[in-house]
Amino acid sequence: MNSLTYFLSGVLVFLLPLFAGSTVATAAHHAFSFQPITEPLSTDTAEPVSPWKTGGRGAVNFNQVSFVNWAAGGENSYSVSGLVHLYANLRKGKATWNNTFDIGYGVIRQAELGARKADDRVELMSKFGYHAINRWYYSGMVNFRTQMDQGFNYSQDEPPLLISDLMSPGYLFTSVGMEYKSEDDNFHILISPFTGKTTFVFNDSLSDAGAFGVEPGDNVRQEFGGFTKVSWKREVWTNVHLTSRLDLFSNYLDNPQRIDVNLEVILMMKINQYLVTTLTTNLIYDHDIKITDRDGNTGPRTQFKEVLAIGLSYTF
C-alpha cells in the first residue's frame, strides 16, 4: 500500500539594498571641503506571511512477545503499525479552508496463525468556512473514509469470512451548515441540516449479500439527513494531549430516530522528542451494518476498538 503525501509551501526572502552619497562643496579662496550626507538604511526585511499552515505527523508502533522454554506457556507474537497524518489549512480574510488526510495500517502475527490485519484506515476531509457572526461560520464539508485491504472474520471451526475490502465500504459525506469555532480554535461544532451520505460497496460478494446497508446486488446507497460533527483537543497535562471527535448522522428518509454514531478518542503521551505512547479508542454504531456474533445471531451491533501502542513519532 502506498502512502500519499502532498502539500508543500515556500517563502521568498528578499533584501532591498540602499546606497546614498553626496557631497556639499564650499569654497574659500579656491580651497574645498566635503561633508557627506547619509540616509538610514531600510530595515524592512520581514518575510511575507503565508496564509497557509501545513504540516503533519508520522508514527510507527511496535509490539513483540517471545517465549523460550517458558513454563507458564504462551505464544510468540509481534505487531507493527504505521500512521501518517497531514494537514493544510488556509486562513485569508473571512475565509478558512481546512484539509486533513489520514492513512494507517497495522499487522499482527501470532504463532502459526499467520499475519492478520490489525488496523486499516484512509480518511480525507476538506472543510470551507466563511465568517458569519461572532464565532460562527457558514460551512461546507466533504469527508471520505474507506480502507485499503481485505478484512476477515476468523473462526476456529470455519475458514475466514470476507467482511470488508477496498471501497467496501467507502463513505462519502457532503454537508452544508454552520460551524462554531472557539477563540483558541480547540473546540469546533458543525451543525448541518443538509447532508448527503453515500455508501459504496464495490466488492461483488459483499454487495450481493447486501452488506453495509446496500440493497443486494447494488454498489451504492444514497441517504439524506442531518449531520453534527464535534471535535475537541486539549493538553490535559504537560506533554499529554487529548483529542476527541464525535460524528452523528440521522437519515431523514428512513427511520430518522436511528442515529449513526462514530466516536473517536485519542490520548497521546509524549515521552521525548521521538518516543510516544498512544491510546486510541473508537466506538461506532450504524443500524444498517449487520454483524454476526459468536452465537450466530445477526443484527446491528455496537462496534468498539481499542489500541495501546508505543513507538516512534515525528512531527513536521
C-alpha atoms as a PDB file:
ATOM      1  CA  MET A   1       0.000   0.000   0.000  1.00  0.00           C
ATOM      2  CA  ASN A   2       1.431   3.367  -0.925  1.00  0.00           C
ATOM      3  CA  SER A   3       1.128   6.364   1.375  1.00  0.00           C
ATOM      4  CA  LEU A   4       0.154   9.622  -0.182  1.00  0.00           C
ATOM      5  CA  THR A   5       1.868  12.835   0.662  1.00  0.00           C
ATOM      6  CA  TYR A   6       1.336  16.317  -0.632  1.00  0.00           C
ATOM      7  CA  PHE A   7       1.006  19.986   0.257  1.00  0.00           C
ATOM      8  CA  LEU A   8       4.363  21.843   0.059  1.00  0.00           C
ATOM      9  CA  SER A   9       4.731  25.593   0.532  1.00  0.00           C
ATOM     10  CA  GLY A  10       7.638  28.051   0.312  1.00  0.00           C
ATOM     11  CA  VAL A  11       8.509  31.590   1.216  1.00  0.00           C
ATOM     12  CA  LEU A  12      10.573  34.091  -0.792  1.00  0.00           C
ATOM     13  CA  VAL A  13      13.113  36.178   1.066  1.00  0.00           C
ATOM     14  CA  PHE A  14      14.378  39.455  -0.374  1.00  0.00           C
ATOM     15  CA  LEU A  15      16.715  42.276   0.653  1.00  0.00           C
ATOM     16  CA  LEU A  16      16.472  45.812  -0.559  1.00  0.00           C
ATOM     17  CA  PRO A  17      19.917  47.462  -0.709  1.00  0.00           C
ATOM     18  CA  LEU A  18      20.237  51.167  -0.474  1.00  0.00           C
ATOM     19  CA  PHE A  19      23.176  53.358  -1.344  1.00  0.00           C
ATOM     20  CA  ALA A  20      23.478  57.014  -0.621  1.00  0.00           C
ATOM     21  CA  GLY A  21      26.233  59.509  -1.038  1.00  0.00           C
ATOM     22  CA  SER A  22      26.666  63.114  -1.987  1.00  0.00           C
ATOM     23  CA  THR A  23      28.926  65.989  -1.220  1.00  0.00           C
ATOM     24  CA  VAL A  24      28.394  69.577  -0.337  1.00  0.00           C
ATOM     25  CA  ALA A  25      31.203  71.845  -1.542  1.00  0.00           C
ATOM     26  CA  THR A  26      32.146  75.130  -0.078  1.00  0.00           C
ATOM     27  CA  ALA A  27      34.892  77.213  -1.485  1.00  0.00           C
ATOM     28  CA  ALA A  28      37.029  79.703   0.233  1.00  0.00           C
ATOM     29  CA  HIS A  29      39.989  81.168  -1.591  1.00  0.00           C
ATOM     30  CA  HIS A  30      39.988  78.148  -4.011  1.00  0.00           C
ATOM     31  CA  ALA A  31      40.002  75.639  -1.080  1.00  0.00           C
ATOM     32  CA  PHE A  32      37.401  72.856  -0.969  1.00  0.00           C
ATOM     33  CA  SER A  33      35.960  70.874   1.939  1.00  0.00           C
ATOM     34  CA  PHE A  34      33.413  67.996   1.697  1.00  0.00           C
ATOM     35  CA  GLN A  35      30.675  66.913   4.068  1.00  0.00           C
ATOM     36  CA  PRO A  36      28.905  63.594   3.361  1.00  0.00           C
ATOM     37  CA  ILE A  37      25.142  63.368   3.646  1.00  0.00           C
ATOM     38  CA  THR A  38      23.943  59.909   4.768  1.00  0.00           C
ATOM     39  CA  GLU A  39      20.474  58.296   4.797  1.00  0.00           C
ATOM     40  CA  PRO A  40      19.488  55.466   7.108  1.00  0.00           C
ATOM     41  CA  LEU A  41      19.299  52.024   5.536  1.00  0.00           C
ATOM     42  CA  SER A  42      15.911  50.393   5.385  1.00  0.00           C
ATOM     43  CA  THR A  43      15.468  47.681   7.989  1.00  0.00           C
ATOM     44  CA  ASP A  44      12.256  46.371   6.458  1.00  0.00           C
ATOM     45  CA  THR A  45      13.328  42.758   5.690  1.00  0.00           C
ATOM     46  CA  ALA A  46      10.276  40.969   7.095  1.00  0.00           C
ATOM     47  CA  GLU A  47       9.220  37.879   5.180  1.00  0.00           C
ATOM     48  CA  PRO A  48       5.699  37.822   3.747  1.00  0.00           C
ATOM     49  CA  VAL A  49       3.281  35.896   5.943  1.00  0.00           C
ATOM     50  CA  SER A  50       1.768  32.927   4.125  1.00  0.00           C
ATOM     51  CA  PRO A  51      -1.973  32.336   4.622  1.00  0.00           C
ATOM     52  CA  TRP A  52      -1.257  28.579   4.571  1.00  0.00           C
ATOM     53  CA  LYS A  53      -0.339  26.483   7.579  1.00  0.00           C
ATOM     54  CA  THR A  54       0.845  22.987   6.664  1.00  0.00           C
ATOM     55  CA  GLY A  55       2.403  20.058   8.476  1.00  0.00           C
ATOM     56  CA  GLY A  56       1.823  16.554   9.716  1.00  0.00           C
ATOM     57  CA  ARG A  57       2.915  13.643  11.846  1.00  0.00           C
ATOM     58  CA  GLY A  58       4.225  10.174  11.076  1.00  0.00           C
ATOM     59  CA  ALA A  59       4.347   7.309  13.578  1.00  0.00           C
ATOM     60  CA  VAL A  60       5.489   3.690  13.643  1.00  0.00           C
ATOM     61  CA  ASN A  61       4.440   1.463  16.564  1.00  0.00           C
ATOM     62  CA  PHE A  62       5.787  -1.919  17.621  1.00  0.00           C
ATOM     63  CA  ASN A  63       4.814  -4.762  19.950  1.00  0.00           C
ATOM     64  CA  GLN A  64       6.637  -8.078  20.412  1.00  0.00           C
ATOM     65  CA  VAL A  65       6.281 -11.076  22.741  1.00  0.00           C
ATOM     66  CA  SER A  66       8.707 -14.022  22.725  1.00  0.00           C
ATOM     67  CA  PHE A  67       8.918 -17.198  24.861  1.00  0.00           C
ATOM     68  CA  VAL A  68      11.728 -19.748  25.197  1.00  0.00           C
ATOM     69  CA  ASN A  69      11.107 -22.777  27.455  1.00  0.00           C
ATOM     70  CA  TRP A  70       8.569 -20.713  29.375  1.00  0.00           C
ATOM     71  CA  ALA A  71       6.927 -22.985  31.979  1.00  0.00           C
ATOM     72  CA  ALA A  72       3.745 -20.929  32.217  1.00  0.00           C
ATOM     73  CA  GLY A  73       3.174 -21.195  28.462  1.00  0.00           C
ATOM     74  CA  GLY A  74       2.387 -18.584  25.851  1.00  0.00           C
ATOM     75  CA  GLU A  75       2.647 -17.874  22.140  1.00  0.00           C
ATOM     76  CA  ASN A  76       5.164 -15.745  20.303  1.00  0.00           C
ATOM     77  CA  SER A  77       3.670 -12.718  18.604  1.00  0.00           C
ATOM     78  CA  TYR A  78       4.544  -9.371  17.128  1.00  0.00           C
ATOM     79  CA  SER A  79       2.689  -6.451  15.652  1.00  0.00           C
ATOM     80  CA  VAL A  80       3.648  -3.353  13.715  1.00  0.00           C
ATOM     81  CA  SER A  81       1.524  -0.410  12.613  1.00  0.00           C
ATOM     82  CA  GLY A  82       2.078   2.906  10.906  1.00  0.00           C
ATOM     83  CA  LEU A  83       0.142   6.154  10.707  1.00  0.00           C
ATOM     84  CA  VAL A  84       0.561   9.326   8.642  1.00  0.00           C
ATOM     85  CA  HIS A  85      -1.440  12.498   9.343  1.00  0.00           C
ATOM     86  CA  LEU A  86      -1.168  15.505   7.016  1.00  0.00           C
ATOM     87  CA  TYR A  87      -2.899  18.868   7.138  1.00  0.00           C
ATOM     88  CA  ALA A  88      -3.065  22.049   5.065  1.00  0.00           C
ATOM     89  CA  ASN A  89      -5.098  24.956   6.451  1.00  0.00           C
ATOM     90  CA  LEU A  90      -5.776  28.301   4.803  1.00  0.00           C
ATOM     91  CA  ARG A  91      -6.951  31.450   6.583  1.00  0.00           C
ATOM     92  CA  LYS A  92      -7.442  34.570   4.478  1.00  0.00           C
ATOM     93  CA  GLY A  93      -9.712  37.409   5.465  1.00  0.00           C
ATOM     94  CA  LYS A  94     -13.078  35.984   6.492  1.00  0.00           C
ATOM     95  CA  ALA A  95     -12.458  32.659   4.743  1.00  0.00           C
ATOM     96  CA  THR A  96     -10.962  29.450   6.124  1.00  0.00           C
ATOM     97  CA  TRP A  97     -10.186  26.179   4.340  1.00  0.00           C
ATOM     98  CA  ASN A  98      -9.096  23.167   6.424  1.00  0.00           C
ATOM     99  CA  ASN A  99      -7.833  19.937   4.856  1.00  0.00           C
ATOM    100  CA  THR A 100      -6.648  16.728   6.529  1.00  0.00           C
ATOM    101  CA  PHE A 101      -5.502  13.344   5.247  1.00  0.00           C
ATOM    102  CA  ASP A 102      -5.019  10.257   7.448  1.00  0.00           C
ATOM    103  CA  ILE A 103      -3.760   6.845   6.422  1.00  0.00           C
ATOM    104  CA  GLY A 104      -2.902   3.958   8.738  1.00  0.00           C
ATOM    105  CA  TYR A 105      -2.198   0.247   8.513  1.00  0.00           C
ATOM    106  CA  GLY A 106      -1.220  -2.433  11.010  1.00  0.00           C
ATOM    107  CA  VAL A 107      -0.431  -6.155  11.026  1.00  0.00           C
ATOM    108  CA  ILE A 108      -0.283  -8.693  13.871  1.00  0.00           C
ATOM    109  CA  ARG A 109       1.260 -12.161  13.670  1.00  0.00           C
ATOM    110  CA  GLN A 110       0.703 -14.772  16.374  1.00  0.00           C
ATOM    111  CA  ALA A 111       2.422 -18.187  16.323  1.00  0.00           C
ATOM    112  CA  GLU A 112       1.149 -20.384  13.478  1.00  0.00           C
ATOM    113  CA  LEU A 113      -1.954 -18.250  12.832  1.00  0.00           C
ATOM    114  CA  GLY A 114      -0.090 -16.109  10.312  1.00  0.00           C
ATOM    115  CA  ALA A 115      -0.324 -12.392   9.668  1.00  0.00           C
ATOM    116  CA  ARG A 116      -3.665 -10.677  10.152  1.00  0.00           C
ATOM    117  CA  LYS A 117      -4.784  -7.097   9.666  1.00  0.00           C
ATOM    118  CA  ALA A 118      -4.972  -5.128  12.895  1.00  0.00           C
ATOM    119  CA  ASP A 119      -5.642  -1.610  11.601  1.00  0.00           C
ATOM    120  CA  ASP A 120      -6.628  -0.155   8.242  1.00  0.00           C
ATOM    121  CA  ARG A 121      -7.972   3.309   7.524  1.00  0.00           C
ATOM    122  CA  VAL A 122      -7.943   6.030   4.878  1.00  0.00           C
ATOM    123  CA  GLU A 123      -9.704   9.328   5.543  1.00  0.00           C
ATOM    124  CA  LEU A 124      -9.779  12.629   3.674  1.00  0.00           C
ATOM    125  CA  MET A 125     -11.592  15.737   4.938  1.00  0.00           C
ATOM    126  CA  SER A 126     -11.954  19.175   3.330  1.00  0.00           C
ATOM    127  CA  LYS A 127     -13.940  21.942   5.027  1.00  0.00           C
ATOM    128  CA  PHE A 128     -14.550  25.513   3.878  1.00  0.00           C
ATOM    129  CA  GLY A 129     -15.815  28.266   6.156  1.00  0.00           C
ATOM    130  CA  TYR A 130     -16.780  31.913   5.791  1.00  0.00           C
ATOM    131  CA  HIS A 131     -17.225  34.121   8.852  1.00  0.00           C
ATOM    132  CA  ALA A 132     -20.865  34.972   9.617  1.00  0.00           C
ATOM    133  CA  ILE A 133     -21.140  36.463  13.121  1.00  0.00           C
ATOM    134  CA  ASN A 134     -19.139  36.231  16.355  1.00  0.00           C
ATOM    135  CA  ARG A 135     -17.582  32.727  16.404  1.00  0.00           C
ATOM    136  CA  TRP A 136     -19.969  31.258  13.805  1.00  0.00           C
ATOM    137  CA  TYR A 137     -19.078  30.432  10.188  1.00  0.00           C
ATOM    138  CA  TYR A 138     -21.040  29.381   7.132  1.00  0.00           C
ATOM    139  CA  SER A 139     -19.566  25.971   6.383  1.00  0.00           C
ATOM    140  CA  GLY A 140     -19.369  23.279   3.733  1.00  0.00           C
ATOM    141  CA  MET A 141     -17.604  19.935   4.258  1.00  0.00           C
ATOM    142  CA  VAL A 142     -16.617  16.871   2.241  1.00  0.00           C
ATOM    143  CA  ASN A 143     -15.473  13.785   4.166  1.00  0.00           C
ATOM    144  CA  PHE A 144     -14.395  10.446   2.654  1.00  0.00           C
ATOM    145  CA  ARG A 145     -13.495   7.240   4.518  1.00  0.00           C
ATOM    146  CA  THR A 146     -12.510   3.720   3.441  1.00  0.00           C
ATOM    147  CA  GLN A 147      -9.798   1.067   3.953  1.00  0.00           C
ATOM    148  CA  MET A 148      -7.062  -0.373   1.733  1.00  0.00           C
ATOM    149  CA  ASP A 149      -7.050  -4.127   2.333  1.00  0.00           C
ATOM    150  CA  GLN A 150      -9.392  -7.054   2.794  1.00  0.00           C
ATOM    151  CA  GLY A 151     -10.700  -7.777   6.288  1.00  0.00           C
ATOM    152  CA  PHE A 152     -11.840 -11.175   7.561  1.00  0.00           C
ATOM    153  CA  ASN A 153     -13.872 -12.649  10.392  1.00  0.00           C
ATOM    154  CA  TYR A 154     -11.807 -15.531  11.775  1.00  0.00           C
ATOM    155  CA  SER A 155     -13.376 -18.606  13.352  1.00  0.00           C
ATOM    156  CA  GLN A 156     -11.759 -21.766  14.693  1.00  0.00           C
ATOM    157  CA  ASP A 157     -14.299 -24.028  13.012  1.00  0.00           C
ATOM    158  CA  GLU A 158     -14.726 -22.299   9.636  1.00  0.00           C
ATOM    159  CA  PRO A 159     -12.468 -20.690   7.015  1.00  0.00           C
ATOM    160  CA  PRO A 160     -12.005 -16.903   7.229  1.00  0.00           C
ATOM    161  CA  LEU A 161     -15.068 -14.946   6.084  1.00  0.00           C
ATOM    162  CA  LEU A 162     -14.516 -11.806   3.998  1.00  0.00           C
ATOM    163  CA  ILE A 163     -16.239  -8.853   5.662  1.00  0.00           C
ATOM    164  CA  SER A 164     -14.573  -5.768   4.093  1.00  0.00           C
ATOM    165  CA  ASP A 165     -12.379  -4.686   1.194  1.00  0.00           C
ATOM    166  CA  LEU A 166     -11.105  -1.600  -0.619  1.00  0.00           C
ATOM    167  CA  MET A 167     -14.129   0.694  -1.108  1.00  0.00           C
ATOM    168  CA  SER A 168     -16.281  -1.921   0.627  1.00  0.00           C
ATOM    169  CA  PRO A 169     -17.359   0.007   2.479  1.00  0.00           C
ATOM    170  CA  GLY A 170     -16.481   3.525   1.431  1.00  0.00           C
ATOM    171  CA  TYR A 171     -18.330   6.513   2.890  1.00  0.00           C
ATOM    172  CA  LEU A 172     -18.729   9.974   1.400  1.00  0.00           C
ATOM    173  CA  PHE A 173     -20.356  12.811   3.374  1.00  0.00           C
ATOM    174  CA  THR A 174     -21.193  16.196   1.826  1.00  0.00           C
ATOM    175  CA  SER A 175     -22.539  18.755   4.314  1.00  0.00           C
ATOM    176  CA  VAL A 176     -23.716  22.374   4.297  1.00  0.00           C
ATOM    177  CA  GLY A 177     -24.455  24.215   7.533  1.00  0.00           C
ATOM    178  CA  MET A 178     -22.987  26.395  10.282  1.00  0.00           C
ATOM    179  CA  GLU A 179     -19.872  25.839  12.369  1.00  0.00           C
ATOM    180  CA  TYR A 180     -18.864  27.273  15.739  1.00  0.00           C
ATOM    181  CA  LYS A 181     -15.147  27.719  16.480  1.00  0.00           C
ATOM    182  CA  SER A 182     -13.820  28.597  19.925  1.00  0.00           C
ATOM    183  CA  GLU A 183     -11.419  31.507  20.302  1.00  0.00           C
ATOM    184  CA  ASP A 184      -8.453  29.184  20.923  1.00  0.00           C
ATOM    185  CA  ASP A 185      -9.553  27.006  17.948  1.00  0.00           C
ATOM    186  CA  ASN A 186      -9.575  23.876  20.143  1.00  0.00           C
ATOM    187  CA  PHE A 187     -13.344  23.300  20.057  1.00  0.00           C
ATOM    188  CA  HIS A 188     -15.444  23.030  16.892  1.00  0.00           C
ATOM    189  CA  ILE A 189     -19.067  22.044  16.327  1.00  0.00           C
ATOM    190  CA  LEU A 190     -20.524  21.720  12.834  1.00  0.00           C
ATOM    191  CA  ILE A 191     -24.322  21.565  12.518  1.00  0.00           C
ATOM    192  CA  SER A 192     -25.576  20.600   9.073  1.00  0.00           C
ATOM    193  CA  PRO A 193     -29.301  20.095   8.423  1.00  0.00           C
ATOM    194  CA  PHE A 194     -28.487  19.266   4.788  1.00  0.00           C
ATOM    195  CA  THR A 195     -26.137  16.313   4.438  1.00  0.00           C
ATOM    196  CA  GLY A 196     -25.785  13.646   1.793  1.00  0.00           C
ATOM    197  CA  LYS A 197     -24.289  10.292   2.788  1.00  0.00           C
ATOM    198  CA  THR A 198     -23.158   7.851   0.099  1.00  0.00           C
ATOM    199  CA  THR A 199     -22.148   4.280   0.942  1.00  0.00           C
ATOM    200  CA  PHE A 200     -20.037   2.359  -1.585  1.00  0.00           C
ATOM    201  CA  VAL A 201     -19.705  -1.438  -1.682  1.00  0.00           C
ATOM    202  CA  PHE A 202     -17.672  -2.379  -4.774  1.00  0.00           C
ATOM    203  CA  ASN A 203     -16.814  -5.958  -3.757  1.00  0.00           C
ATOM    204  CA  ASP A 204     -19.339  -8.182  -5.587  1.00  0.00           C
ATOM    205  CA  SER A 205     -19.664 -10.828  -2.877  1.00  0.00           C
ATOM    206  CA  LEU A 206     -20.345  -8.200  -0.199  1.00  0.00           C
ATOM    207  CA  SER A 207     -22.697  -6.319  -2.494  1.00  0.00           C
ATOM    208  CA  ASP A 208     -24.653  -9.490  -3.286  1.00  0.00           C
ATOM    209  CA  ALA A 209     -25.032 -10.101   0.449  1.00  0.00           C
ATOM    210  CA  GLY A 210     -26.427  -6.587   0.992  1.00  0.00           C
ATOM    211  CA  ALA A 211     -23.557  -5.620   3.307  1.00  0.00           C
ATOM    212  CA  PHE A 212     -23.367  -2.169   4.906  1.00  0.00           C
ATOM    213  CA  GLY A 213     -26.980  -1.323   4.111  1.00  0.00           C
ATOM    214  CA  VAL A 214     -26.943  -1.523   0.301  1.00  0.00           C
ATOM    215  CA  GLU A 215     -29.663  -3.426  -1.499  1.00  0.00           C
ATOM    216  CA  PRO A 216     -28.424  -6.908  -2.548  1.00  0.00           C
ATOM    217  CA  GLY A 217     -26.585  -6.537  -5.857  1.00  0.00           C
ATOM    218  CA  ASP A 218     -26.259  -2.730  -5.600  1.00  0.00           C
ATOM    219  CA  ASN A 219     -22.911  -0.996  -5.207  1.00  0.00           C
ATOM    220  CA  VAL A 220     -24.148   2.384  -3.926  1.00  0.00           C
ATOM    221  CA  ARG A 221     -26.638   3.572  -1.324  1.00  0.00           C
ATOM    222  CA  GLN A 222     -27.752   7.201  -1.032  1.00  0.00           C
ATOM    223  CA  GLU A 223     -29.045   8.821   2.169  1.00  0.00           C
ATOM    224  CA  PHE A 224     -30.087  12.376   3.032  1.00  0.00           C
ATOM    225  CA  GLY A 225     -30.290  13.738   6.532  1.00  0.00           C
ATOM    226  CA  GLY A 226     -28.845  15.842   9.333  1.00  0.00           C
ATOM    227  CA  PHE A 227     -25.232  15.720  10.477  1.00  0.00           C
ATOM    228  CA  THR A 228     -23.396  17.027  13.540  1.00  0.00           C
ATOM    229  CA  LYS A 229     -19.631  16.930  13.999  1.00  0.00           C
ATOM    230  CA  VAL A 230     -17.994  17.864  17.320  1.00  0.00           C
ATOM    231  CA  SER A 231     -14.214  17.993  17.781  1.00  0.00           C
ATOM    232  CA  TRP A 232     -12.157  18.975  20.808  1.00  0.00           C
ATOM    233  CA  LYS A 233      -8.482  18.921  21.695  1.00  0.00           C
ATOM    234  CA  ARG A 234      -6.508  19.951  24.755  1.00  0.00           C
ATOM    235  CA  GLU A 235      -3.176  19.487  26.509  1.00  0.00           C
ATOM    236  CA  VAL A 236      -4.505  17.992  29.759  1.00  0.00           C
ATOM    237  CA  TRP A 237      -1.056  17.737  31.350  1.00  0.00           C
ATOM    238  CA  THR A 238       2.435  18.619  30.233  1.00  0.00           C
ATOM    239  CA  ASN A 239       3.172  16.541  27.106  1.00  0.00           C
ATOM    240  CA  VAL A 240      -0.190  14.742  27.408  1.00  0.00           C
ATOM    241  CA  HIS A 241      -2.669  15.619  24.650  1.00  0.00           C
ATOM    242  CA  LEU A 242      -6.308  14.549  24.394  1.00  0.00           C
ATOM    243  CA  THR A 243      -8.205  14.686  21.102  1.00  0.00           C
ATOM    244  CA  SER A 244     -11.814  13.624  20.585  1.00  0.00           C
ATOM    245  CA  ARG A 245     -14.231  13.595  17.665  1.00  0.00           C
ATOM    246  CA  LEU A 246     -17.947  12.758  17.562  1.00  0.00           C
ATOM    247  CA  ASP A 247     -19.945  12.330  14.330  1.00  0.00           C
ATOM    248  CA  LEU A 248     -23.757  11.954  14.400  1.00  0.00           C
ATOM    249  CA  PHE A 249     -25.951  11.320  11.349  1.00  0.00           C
ATOM    250  CA  SER A 250     -29.725  10.863  11.037  1.00  0.00           C
ATOM    251  CA  ASN A 251     -31.326   9.717   7.778  1.00  0.00           C
ATOM    252  CA  TYR A 252     -34.464  11.811   7.183  1.00  0.00           C
ATOM    253  CA  LEU A 253     -35.789   9.311   4.622  1.00  0.00           C
ATOM    254  CA  ASP A 254     -35.593   6.093   6.649  1.00  0.00           C
ATOM    255  CA  ASN A 255     -36.097   5.825  10.423  1.00  0.00           C
ATOM    256  CA  PRO A 256     -34.558   9.179  11.419  1.00  0.00           C
ATOM    257  CA  GLN A 257     -34.635   8.127  15.089  1.00  0.00           C
ATOM    258  CA  ARG A 258     -31.818   5.652  14.335  1.00  0.00           C
ATOM    259  CA  ILE A 259     -28.709   7.796  14.645  1.00  0.00           C
ATOM    260  CA  ASP A 260     -25.337   6.704  13.300  1.00  0.00           C
ATOM    261  CA  VAL A 261     -22.589   7.304  15.880  1.00  0.00           C
ATOM    262  CA  ASN A 262     -18.834   7.487  15.353  1.00  0.00           C
ATOM    263  CA  LEU A 263     -16.808   8.482  18.439  1.00  0.00           C
ATOM    264  CA  GLU A 264     -13.007   8.557  18.456  1.00  0.00           C
ATOM    265  CA  VAL A 265     -10.821   9.491  21.431  1.00  0.00           C
ATOM    266  CA  ILE A 266      -7.015   9.675  21.258  1.00  0.00           C
ATOM    267  CA  LEU A 267      -4.729  10.166  24.268  1.00  0.00           C
ATOM    268  CA  MET A 268      -1.127  10.849  23.244  1.00  0.00           C
ATOM    269  CA  MET A 269       1.644  10.878  25.861  1.00  0.00           C
ATOM    270  CA  LYS A 270       4.953  12.265  24.645  1.00  0.00           C
ATOM    271  CA  ILE A 271       7.963  10.624  26.338  1.00  0.00           C
ATOM    272  CA  ASN A 272      10.618  12.585  24.469  1.00  0.00           C
ATOM    273  CA  GLN A 273      11.072  14.217  21.073  1.00  0.00           C
ATOM    274  CA  TYR A 274      10.523  10.991  19.147  1.00  0.00           C
ATOM    275  CA  LEU A 275       9.079   8.412  21.567  1.00  0.00           C
ATOM    276  CA  VAL A 276       5.305   8.469  22.088  1.00  0.00           C
ATOM    277  CA  THR A 277       2.688   6.300  23.772  1.00  0.00           C
ATOM    278  CA  THR A 278      -0.806   6.457  22.266  1.00  0.00           C
ATOM    279  CA  LEU A 279      -4.147   5.140  23.496  1.00  0.00           C
ATOM    280  CA  THR A 280      -6.833   5.168  20.794  1.00  0.00           C
ATOM    281  CA  THR A 281     -10.483   4.161  21.215  1.00  0.00           C
ATOM    282  CA  ASN A 282     -13.174   4.121  18.513  1.00  0.00           C
ATOM    283  CA  LEU A 283     -16.885   3.418  19.051  1.00  0.00           C
ATOM    284  CA  ILE A 284     -19.238   3.004  16.077  1.00  0.00           C
ATOM    285  CA  TYR A 285     -22.951   2.274  15.808  1.00  0.00           C
ATOM    286  CA  ASP A 286     -24.731   2.057  12.453  1.00  0.00           C
ATOM    287  CA  HIS A 287     -28.100   0.303  12.337  1.00  0.00           C
ATOM    288  CA  ASP A 288     -27.534  -0.587   8.673  1.00  0.00           C
ATOM    289  CA  ILE A 289     -24.415  -2.652   9.416  1.00  0.00           C
ATOM    290  CA  LYS A 290     -25.331  -6.216  10.361  1.00  0.00           C
ATOM    291  CA  ILE A 291     -22.812  -8.178  12.411  1.00  0.00           C
ATOM    292  CA  THR A 292     -22.911 -11.874  13.288  1.00  0.00           C
ATOM    293  CA  ASP A 293     -21.946 -12.591  16.907  1.00  0.00           C
ATOM    294  CA  ARG A 294     -20.388 -15.768  18.336  1.00  0.00           C
ATOM    295  CA  ASP A 295     -23.805 -17.327  18.861  1.00  0.00           C
ATOM    296  CA  GLY A 296     -24.674 -16.938  15.182  1.00  0.00           C
ATOM    297  CA  ASN A 297     -27.143 -14.087  15.692  1.00  0.00           C
ATOM    298  CA  THR A 298     -27.028 -11.349  13.036  1.00  0.00           C
ATOM    299  CA  GLY A 299     -28.051  -7.751  13.570  1.00  0.00           C
ATOM    300  CA  PRO A 300     -26.814  -4.226  14.323  1.00  0.00           C
ATOM    301  CA  ARG A 301     -24.135  -4.123  16.999  1.00  0.00           C
ATOM    302  CA  THR A 302     -22.087  -1.518  18.854  1.00  0.00           C
ATOM    303  CA  GLN A 303     -18.557  -1.724  17.482  1.00  0.00           C
ATOM    304  CA  PHE A 304     -15.577  -0.879  19.693  1.00  0.00           C
ATOM    305  CA  LYS A 305     -11.836  -0.797  19.045  1.00  0.00           C
ATOM    306  CA  GLU A 306      -9.013  -0.004  21.476  1.00  0.00           C
ATOM    307  CA  VAL A 307      -5.316   0.269  20.609  1.00  0.00           C
ATOM    308  CA  LEU A 308      -2.495   0.938  23.084  1.00  0.00           C
ATOM    309  CA  ALA A 309       0.806   1.486  21.298  1.00  0.00           C
ATOM    310  CA  ILE A 310       4.303   2.758  21.921  1.00  0.00           C
ATOM    311  CA  GLY A 311       6.522   3.796  19.076  1.00  0.00           C
ATOM    312  CA  LEU A 312       8.407   6.426  17.177  1.00  0.00           C
ATOM    313  CA  SER A 313       6.739   9.653  16.117  1.00  0.00           C
ATOM    314  CA  TYR A 314       7.940  12.611  14.080  1.00  0.00           C
ATOM    315  CA  THR A 315       6.117  15.912  13.695  1.00  0.00           C
ATOM    316  CA  PHE A 316       6.817  18.292  10.849  1.00  0.00           C
END
